[in-house]
């Protein structure tokens, strides 16, 4: 009986009824929102396999960034009823059109800044709280000296180190300008990753996500740390105000 089916079984039955008629277009409006986390992952994989097997053009509506990135060949980001960006997953993630897209896909850290030097290969950016960082000019075309910008830093692009900068890999030694000191306020061990929050001297908080949690267990909450990142991981979005 239908009432005896689990949530996952009900989803499979509903999907089977929809595709059996071989539609030219399939609309799925947050179909996995009522499932538990483990079952959601299983159903995502099944949907990917089914879509590739049947070749049905599918519009998948979701507020879950992981679903959007995993299931899509093209992503359309809507905000207040308006299309703000359309592109392949990596492009939307790596080159968001505005702050809304950057925040929706990845929970980006934002810091206000002003470009002080632009030499064609690198950009020298003064942050609102004082320190300067460097960004890649190739990653940020069209940004010029004097521009007021929002500095966007993905949590997974940041690395924790000792407050004195000790522990930086040799390849990162040349990017010493991209070192921000602060206090470790929160450290959450999630098994495969560790998610931390670092409060900078000016009060801004950076979210850091590392895929090597064991080597960061030595950092104690309330203690001084440094956040390091490469110039190529800095995205600058120009501000109008």
C-alpha atoms as a PDB file:
ATOM      1  CA  UNK A   1       0.000   0.000   0.000  1.00  0.00           C
ATOM      2  CA  UNK A   2       1.197   3.567  -0.641  1.00  0.00           C
ATOM      3  CA  UNK A   3       0.986   4.360   3.071  1.00  0.00           C
ATOM      4  CA  UNK A   4       3.441   1.560   3.793  1.00  0.00           C
ATOM      5  CA  UNK A   5       6.153   2.936   1.511  1.00  0.00           C
ATOM      6  CA  UNK A   6       9.144   4.778   2.948  1.00  0.00           C
ATOM      7  CA  UNK A   7       9.980   8.306   1.830  1.00  0.00           C
ATOM      8  CA  UNK A   8      12.620   7.052  -0.563  1.00  0.00           C
ATOM      9  CA  UNK A   9      10.291   4.434  -2.023  1.00  0.00           C
ATOM     10  CA  UNK A  10       7.575   7.038  -2.566  1.00  0.00           C
ATOM     11  CA  UNK A  11      10.064   9.246  -4.386  1.00  0.00           C
ATOM     12  CA  UNK A  12      11.110   6.391  -6.661  1.00  0.00           C
ATOM     13  CA  UNK A  13       7.497   5.540  -7.504  1.00  0.00           C
ATOM     14  CA  UNK A  14       6.650   9.170  -8.287  1.00  0.00           C
ATOM     15  CA  UNK A  15       9.726   9.492 -10.492  1.00  0.00           C
ATOM     16  CA  UNK A  16       8.928   6.253 -12.326  1.00  0.00           C
ATOM     17  CA  UNK A  17       5.390   7.451 -13.061  1.00  0.00           C
ATOM     18  CA  UNK A  18       6.770  10.700 -14.456  1.00  0.00           C
ATOM     19  CA  UNK A  19       9.399   9.203 -16.789  1.00  0.00           C
ATOM     20  CA  UNK A  20       7.424   6.203 -18.061  1.00  0.00           C
ATOM     21  CA  UNK A  21       5.559   8.459 -20.516  1.00  0.00           C
ATOM     22  CA  UNK A  22       8.927   9.621 -21.948  1.00  0.00           C
ATOM     23  CA  UNK A  23       8.394  13.385 -21.492  1.00  0.00           C
ATOM     24  CA  UNK A  24      10.407  15.890 -23.502  1.00  0.00           C
ATOM     25  CA  UNK A  25      10.970  17.935 -20.351  1.00  0.00           C
ATOM     26  CA  UNK A  26      10.969  16.897 -16.694  1.00  0.00           C
ATOM     27  CA  UNK A  27      10.458  19.415 -13.871  1.00  0.00           C
ATOM     28  CA  UNK A  28      11.625  18.392 -10.400  1.00  0.00           C
ATOM     29  CA  UNK A  29      10.773  20.944  -7.705  1.00  0.00           C
ATOM     30  CA  UNK A  30      12.910  20.196  -4.610  1.00  0.00           C
ATOM     31  CA  UNK A  31      12.070  16.470  -4.782  1.00  0.00           C
ATOM     32  CA  UNK A  32      14.528  15.486  -2.037  1.00  0.00           C
ATOM     33  CA  UNK A  33      13.680  18.125   0.561  1.00  0.00           C
ATOM     34  CA  UNK A  34      11.761  15.738   2.851  1.00  0.00           C
ATOM     35  CA  UNK A  35      14.389  12.985   2.931  1.00  0.00           C
ATOM     36  CA  UNK A  36      17.056  12.443   5.572  1.00  0.00           C
ATOM     37  CA  UNK A  37      20.673  13.310   4.767  1.00  0.00           C
ATOM     38  CA  UNK A  38      21.827   9.768   3.916  1.00  0.00           C
ATOM     39  CA  UNK A  39      18.855   9.064   1.659  1.00  0.00           C
ATOM     40  CA  UNK A  40      19.238  12.432  -0.059  1.00  0.00           C
ATOM     41  CA  UNK A  41      22.758  11.469  -1.152  1.00  0.00           C
ATOM     42  CA  UNK A  42      21.554   8.099  -2.452  1.00  0.00           C
ATOM     43  CA  UNK A  43      18.716   9.687  -4.408  1.00  0.00           C
ATOM     44  CA  UNK A  44      21.040  12.304  -5.904  1.00  0.00           C
ATOM     45  CA  UNK A  45      23.213   9.539  -7.312  1.00  0.00           C
ATOM     46  CA  UNK A  46      20.169   7.717  -8.674  1.00  0.00           C
ATOM     47  CA  UNK A  47      18.866  10.880 -10.330  1.00  0.00           C
ATOM     48  CA  UNK A  48      22.219  11.504 -12.020  1.00  0.00           C
ATOM     49  CA  UNK A  49      22.359   7.943 -13.369  1.00  0.00           C
ATOM     50  CA  UNK A  50      18.720   8.026 -14.498  1.00  0.00           C
ATOM     51  CA  UNK A  51      19.024  11.362 -16.259  1.00  0.00           C
ATOM     52  CA  UNK A  52      22.123  10.233 -18.143  1.00  0.00           C
ATOM     53  CA  UNK A  53      20.507   6.933 -19.073  1.00  0.00           C
ATOM     54  CA  UNK A  54      17.229   8.416 -20.331  1.00  0.00           C
ATOM     55  CA  UNK A  55      18.609  11.677 -21.722  1.00  0.00           C
ATOM     56  CA  UNK A  56      15.569  13.677 -20.620  1.00  0.00           C
ATOM     57  CA  UNK A  57      16.086  17.433 -20.343  1.00  0.00           C
ATOM     58  CA  UNK A  58      15.451  18.163 -16.681  1.00  0.00           C
ATOM     59  CA  UNK A  59      14.854  21.388 -14.764  1.00  0.00           C
ATOM     60  CA  UNK A  60      15.759  20.805 -11.131  1.00  0.00           C
ATOM     61  CA  UNK A  61      14.652  23.444  -8.625  1.00  0.00           C
ATOM     62  CA  UNK A  62      16.646  23.481  -5.385  1.00  0.00           C
ATOM     63  CA  UNK A  63      17.934  25.706  -2.590  1.00  0.00           C
ATOM     64  CA  UNK A  64      20.698  23.186  -1.842  1.00  0.00           C
ATOM     65  CA  UNK A  65      24.042  24.200  -3.349  1.00  0.00           C
ATOM     66  CA  UNK A  66      25.421  20.644  -3.232  1.00  0.00           C
ATOM     67  CA  UNK A  67      22.468  19.378  -5.265  1.00  0.00           C
ATOM     68  CA  UNK A  68      22.854  22.224  -7.743  1.00  0.00           C
ATOM     69  CA  UNK A  69      26.546  21.522  -8.308  1.00  0.00           C
ATOM     70  CA  UNK A  70      26.235  17.732  -8.404  1.00  0.00           C
ATOM     71  CA  UNK A  71      23.152  17.327 -10.592  1.00  0.00           C
ATOM     72  CA  UNK A  72      23.527  20.135 -13.104  1.00  0.00           C
ATOM     73  CA  UNK A  73      25.236  20.564 -16.425  1.00  0.00           C
ATOM     74  CA  UNK A  74      24.145  24.230 -16.320  1.00  0.00           C
ATOM     75  CA  UNK A  75      23.064  26.261 -13.299  1.00  0.00           C
ATOM     76  CA  UNK A  76      20.635  29.180 -13.353  1.00  0.00           C
ATOM     77  CA  UNK A  77      20.719  31.263 -10.169  1.00  0.00           C
ATOM     78  CA  UNK A  78      17.541  33.237  -9.448  1.00  0.00           C
ATOM     79  CA  UNK A  79      17.179  36.121  -6.991  1.00  0.00           C
ATOM     80  CA  UNK A  80      13.919  37.951  -6.332  1.00  0.00           C
ATOM     81  CA  UNK A  81      12.436  36.524  -9.513  1.00  0.00           C
ATOM     82  CA  UNK A  82      15.372  37.614 -11.665  1.00  0.00           C
ATOM     83  CA  UNK A  83      18.010  35.508 -13.397  1.00  0.00           C
ATOM     84  CA  UNK A  84      21.356  36.742 -12.068  1.00  0.00           C
ATOM     85  CA  UNK A  85      23.715  34.144 -13.555  1.00  0.00           C
ATOM     86  CA  UNK A  86      23.641  31.206 -15.954  1.00  0.00           C
ATOM     87  CA  UNK A  87      26.610  28.931 -16.547  1.00  0.00           C
ATOM     88  CA  UNK A  88      28.261  25.572 -16.046  1.00  0.00           C
ATOM     89  CA  UNK A  89      28.755  24.579 -12.379  1.00  0.00           C
ATOM     90  CA  UNK A  90      32.483  25.355 -12.108  1.00  0.00           C
ATOM     91  CA  UNK A  91      32.023  28.762 -13.742  1.00  0.00           C
ATOM     92  CA  UNK A  92      29.189  29.810 -11.434  1.00  0.00           C
ATOM     93  CA  UNK A  93      31.155  28.606  -8.406  1.00  0.00           C
ATOM     94  CA  UNK A  94      34.547  30.059  -9.347  1.00  0.00           C
ATOM     95  CA  UNK A  95      33.305  33.238 -11.052  1.00  0.00           C
ATOM     96  CA  UNK A  96      30.098  34.362  -9.320  1.00  0.00           C
ATOM     97  CA  UNK A  97      28.439  37.352 -10.935  1.00  0.00           C
ATOM     98  CA  UNK A  98      27.653  39.116  -7.653  1.00  0.00           C
ATOM     99  CA  UNK A  99      27.641  38.767  -3.873  1.00  0.00           C
ATOM    100  CA  UNK A 100      24.355  36.856  -3.817  1.00  0.00           C
ATOM    101  CA  UNK A 101      25.689  34.108  -6.093  1.00  0.00           C
ATOM    102  CA  UNK A 102      28.973  33.962  -4.186  1.00  0.00           C
ATOM    103  CA  UNK A 103      27.135  33.547  -0.881  1.00  0.00           C
ATOM    104  CA  UNK A 104      24.620  31.005  -2.198  1.00  0.00           C
ATOM    105  CA  UNK A 105      27.287  28.748  -3.660  1.00  0.00           C
ATOM    106  CA  UNK A 106      29.784  28.085  -0.911  1.00  0.00           C
ATOM    107  CA  UNK A 107      29.124  30.372   2.035  1.00  0.00           C
ATOM    108  CA  UNK A 108      31.872  32.764   0.960  1.00  0.00           C
ATOM    109  CA  UNK A 109      33.758  35.049   3.362  1.00  0.00           C
ATOM    110  CA  UNK A 110      33.406  38.739   2.484  1.00  0.00           C
ATOM    111  CA  UNK A 111      35.806  41.544   3.444  1.00  0.00           C
ATOM    112  CA  UNK A 112      35.630  45.182   2.269  1.00  0.00           C
ATOM    113  CA  UNK A 113      38.721  46.527   0.582  1.00  0.00           C
ATOM    114  CA  UNK A 114      40.251  49.060  -1.787  1.00  0.00           C
ATOM    115  CA  UNK A 115      42.671  48.312  -4.621  1.00  0.00           C
ATOM    116  CA  UNK A 116      45.818  50.375  -4.019  1.00  0.00           C
ATOM    117  CA  UNK A 117      48.132  49.006  -6.725  1.00  0.00           C
ATOM    118  CA  UNK A 118      47.379  47.234 -10.020  1.00  0.00           C
ATOM    119  CA  UNK A 119      50.497  46.273 -11.982  1.00  0.00           C
ATOM    120  CA  UNK A 120      48.996  44.003 -14.635  1.00  0.00           C
ATOM    121  CA  UNK A 121      49.873  40.716 -12.955  1.00  0.00           C
ATOM    122  CA  UNK A 122      48.858  41.345  -9.359  1.00  0.00           C
ATOM    123  CA  UNK A 123      46.546  43.586  -7.370  1.00  0.00           C
ATOM    124  CA  UNK A 124      47.458  45.049  -3.986  1.00  0.00           C
ATOM    125  CA  UNK A 125      44.298  45.329  -1.884  1.00  0.00           C
ATOM    126  CA  UNK A 126      44.016  47.190   1.412  1.00  0.00           C
ATOM    127  CA  UNK A 127      41.403  45.607   3.642  1.00  0.00           C
ATOM    128  CA  UNK A 128      39.000  47.694   5.652  1.00  0.00           C
ATOM    129  CA  UNK A 129      40.657  46.651   8.896  1.00  0.00           C
ATOM    130  CA  UNK A 130      44.178  47.642   7.820  1.00  0.00           C
ATOM    131  CA  UNK A 131      46.242  44.739   6.400  1.00  0.00           C
ATOM    132  CA  UNK A 132      47.033  44.330   2.726  1.00  0.00           C
ATOM    133  CA  UNK A 133      46.698  41.249   0.566  1.00  0.00           C
ATOM    134  CA  UNK A 134      47.540  40.376  -3.024  1.00  0.00           C
ATOM    135  CA  UNK A 135      45.158  39.081  -5.667  1.00  0.00           C
ATOM    136  CA  UNK A 136      45.747  37.702  -9.143  1.00  0.00           C
ATOM    137  CA  UNK A 137      44.995  40.183 -11.917  1.00  0.00           C
ATOM    138  CA  UNK A 138      44.177  37.293 -14.267  1.00  0.00           C
ATOM    139  CA  UNK A 139      41.482  36.095 -11.843  1.00  0.00           C
ATOM    140  CA  UNK A 140      40.036  39.614 -11.585  1.00  0.00           C
ATOM    141  CA  UNK A 141      39.983  41.245 -15.042  1.00  0.00           C
ATOM    142  CA  UNK A 142      38.711  44.805 -15.208  1.00  0.00           C
ATOM    143  CA  UNK A 143      39.608  45.663 -11.604  1.00  0.00           C
ATOM    144  CA  UNK A 144      41.759  48.806 -11.418  1.00  0.00           C
ATOM    145  CA  UNK A 145      43.676  50.823  -8.863  1.00  0.00           C
ATOM    146  CA  UNK A 146      41.331  52.856  -6.681  1.00  0.00           C
ATOM    147  CA  UNK A 147      38.377  50.496  -7.079  1.00  0.00           C
ATOM    148  CA  UNK A 148      36.386  49.757  -3.944  1.00  0.00           C
ATOM    149  CA  UNK A 149      35.857  46.015  -3.835  1.00  0.00           C
ATOM    150  CA  UNK A 150      34.470  43.167  -1.802  1.00  0.00           C
ATOM    151  CA  UNK A 151      37.127  40.511  -1.224  1.00  0.00           C
ATOM    152  CA  UNK A 152      35.617  37.023  -1.570  1.00  0.00           C
ATOM    153  CA  UNK A 153      37.407  34.067   0.017  1.00  0.00           C
ATOM    154  CA  UNK A 154      36.084  30.514  -0.127  1.00  0.00           C
ATOM    155  CA  UNK A 155      36.374  28.652   3.211  1.00  0.00           C
ATOM    156  CA  UNK A 156      38.109  25.682   1.554  1.00  0.00           C
ATOM    157  CA  UNK A 157      40.754  27.979   0.013  1.00  0.00           C
ATOM    158  CA  UNK A 158      41.954  29.072   3.454  1.00  0.00           C
ATOM    159  CA  UNK A 159      44.501  27.273   5.618  1.00  0.00           C
ATOM    160  CA  UNK A 160      45.228  27.585   9.328  1.00  0.00           C
ATOM    161  CA  UNK A 161      48.774  28.102  10.569  1.00  0.00           C
ATOM    162  CA  UNK A 162      50.653  29.320  13.609  1.00  0.00           C
ATOM    163  CA  UNK A 163      50.201  33.006  14.347  1.00  0.00           C
ATOM    164  CA  UNK A 164      53.834  33.669  13.456  1.00  0.00           C
ATOM    165  CA  UNK A 165      53.391  32.159  10.012  1.00  0.00           C
ATOM    166  CA  UNK A 166      55.287  29.000  10.967  1.00  0.00           C
ATOM    167  CA  UNK A 167      54.091  25.920   9.148  1.00  0.00           C
ATOM    168  CA  UNK A 168      53.594  27.450   5.731  1.00  0.00           C
ATOM    169  CA  UNK A 169      54.532  25.161   2.871  1.00  0.00           C
ATOM    170  CA  UNK A 170      57.558  26.266   0.774  1.00  0.00           C
ATOM    171  CA  UNK A 171      55.317  27.013  -2.197  1.00  0.00           C
ATOM    172  CA  UNK A 172      53.314  29.368   0.022  1.00  0.00           C
ATOM    173  CA  UNK A 173      56.315  31.269   1.375  1.00  0.00           C
ATOM    174  CA  UNK A 174      56.143  33.668  -1.556  1.00  0.00           C
ATOM    175  CA  UNK A 175      52.555  34.576  -0.616  1.00  0.00           C
ATOM    176  CA  UNK A 176      53.412  35.799   2.890  1.00  0.00           C
ATOM    177  CA  UNK A 177      51.406  38.976   2.223  1.00  0.00           C
ATOM    178  CA  UNK A 178      48.308  36.782   2.225  1.00  0.00           C
ATOM    179  CA  UNK A 179      48.508  36.006   5.902  1.00  0.00           C
ATOM    180  CA  UNK A 180      45.878  37.350   8.283  1.00  0.00           C
ATOM    181  CA  UNK A 181      46.292  36.913  12.019  1.00  0.00           C
ATOM    182  CA  UNK A 182      43.429  36.398  14.402  1.00  0.00           C
ATOM    183  CA  UNK A 183      41.930  34.352  17.209  1.00  0.00           C
ATOM    184  CA  UNK A 184      40.410  30.891  16.787  1.00  0.00           C
ATOM    185  CA  UNK A 185      36.875  31.309  18.108  1.00  0.00           C
ATOM    186  CA  UNK A 186      35.285  28.042  16.997  1.00  0.00           C
ATOM    187  CA  UNK A 187      36.585  24.659  15.884  1.00  0.00           C
ATOM    188  CA  UNK A 188      34.196  21.915  14.755  1.00  0.00           C
ATOM    189  CA  UNK A 189      35.615  18.475  13.943  1.00  0.00           C
ATOM    190  CA  UNK A 190      33.362  16.752  11.383  1.00  0.00           C
ATOM    191  CA  UNK A 191      35.456  13.681  10.606  1.00  0.00           C
ATOM    192  CA  UNK A 192      36.526  14.262   7.024  1.00  0.00           C
ATOM    193  CA  UNK A 193      36.727  18.031   7.449  1.00  0.00           C
ATOM    194  CA  UNK A 194      37.184  20.624  10.157  1.00  0.00           C
ATOM    195  CA  UNK A 195      35.235  23.886  10.110  1.00  0.00           C
ATOM    196  CA  UNK A 196      36.689  26.791  12.070  1.00  0.00           C
ATOM    197  CA  UNK A 197      35.879  30.434  12.688  1.00  0.00           C
ATOM    198  CA  UNK A 198      38.718  32.921  13.074  1.00  0.00           C
ATOM    199  CA  UNK A 199      38.117  36.438  14.362  1.00  0.00           C
ATOM    200  CA  UNK A 200      40.498  38.971  12.834  1.00  0.00           C
ATOM    201  CA  UNK A 201      41.871  41.958  14.714  1.00  0.00           C
ATOM    202  CA  UNK A 202      39.273  44.271  13.179  1.00  0.00           C
ATOM    203  CA  UNK A 203      36.378  42.079  14.284  1.00  0.00           C
ATOM    204  CA  UNK A 204      35.654  40.351  10.963  1.00  0.00           C
ATOM    205  CA  UNK A 205      35.171  36.582  11.164  1.00  0.00           C
ATOM    206  CA  UNK A 206      36.529  34.152   8.560  1.00  0.00           C
ATOM    207  CA  UNK A 207      35.113  30.678   8.101  1.00  0.00           C
ATOM    208  CA  UNK A 208      37.845  28.131   7.339  1.00  0.00           C
ATOM    209  CA  UNK A 209      37.218  24.599   6.090  1.00  0.00           C
ATOM    210  CA  UNK A 210      40.129  22.182   5.928  1.00  0.00           C
ATOM    211  CA  UNK A 211      40.196  18.668   4.493  1.00  0.00           C
ATOM    212  CA  UNK A 212      43.048  17.640   6.825  1.00  0.00           C
ATOM    213  CA  UNK A 213      41.505  18.027  10.282  1.00  0.00           C
ATOM    214  CA  UNK A 214      44.050  15.969  12.207  1.00  0.00           C
ATOM    215  CA  UNK A 215      46.906  18.382  11.603  1.00  0.00           C
ATOM    216  CA  UNK A 216      44.776  21.253  12.907  1.00  0.00           C
ATOM    217  CA  UNK A 217      43.664  19.645  16.165  1.00  0.00           C
ATOM    218  CA  UNK A 218      46.668  21.281  17.840  1.00  0.00           C
ATOM    219  CA  UNK A 219      45.061  24.719  17.573  1.00  0.00           C
ATOM    220  CA  UNK A 220      43.077  25.591  20.696  1.00  0.00           C
ATOM    221  CA  UNK A 221      39.968  27.748  20.743  1.00  0.00           C
ATOM    222  CA  UNK A 222      40.822  31.183  22.064  1.00  0.00           C
ATOM    223  CA  UNK A 223      44.409  30.927  20.856  1.00  0.00           C
ATOM    224  CA  UNK A 224      46.199  32.968  18.167  1.00  0.00           C
ATOM    225  CA  UNK A 225      46.305  31.587  14.616  1.00  0.00           C
ATOM    226  CA  UNK A 226      47.105  32.754  11.109  1.00  0.00           C
ATOM    227  CA  UNK A 227      44.939  32.288   8.027  1.00  0.00           C
ATOM    228  CA  UNK A 228      46.881  31.800   4.793  1.00  0.00           C
ATOM    229  CA  UNK A 229      45.698  31.809   1.173  1.00  0.00           C
ATOM    230  CA  UNK A 230      47.065  32.178  -2.349  1.00  0.00           C
ATOM    231  CA  UNK A 231      46.541  35.273  -4.537  1.00  0.00           C
ATOM    232  CA  UNK A 232      44.803  33.079  -7.124  1.00  0.00           C
ATOM    233  CA  UNK A 233      42.099  32.227  -4.587  1.00  0.00           C
ATOM    234  CA  UNK A 234      41.112  35.870  -4.069  1.00  0.00           C
ATOM    235  CA  UNK A 235      38.035  37.021  -5.994  1.00  0.00           C
ATOM    236  CA  UNK A 236      37.293  40.747  -6.129  1.00  0.00           C
ATOM    237  CA  UNK A 237      33.816  42.097  -6.821  1.00  0.00           C
ATOM    238  CA  UNK A 238      33.591  45.835  -7.398  1.00  0.00           C
ATOM    239  CA  UNK A 239      31.364  47.863  -5.092  1.00  0.00           C
ATOM    240  CA  UNK A 240      29.327  50.874  -6.169  1.00  0.00           C
ATOM    241  CA  UNK A 241      28.843  52.266  -2.655  1.00  0.00           C
END
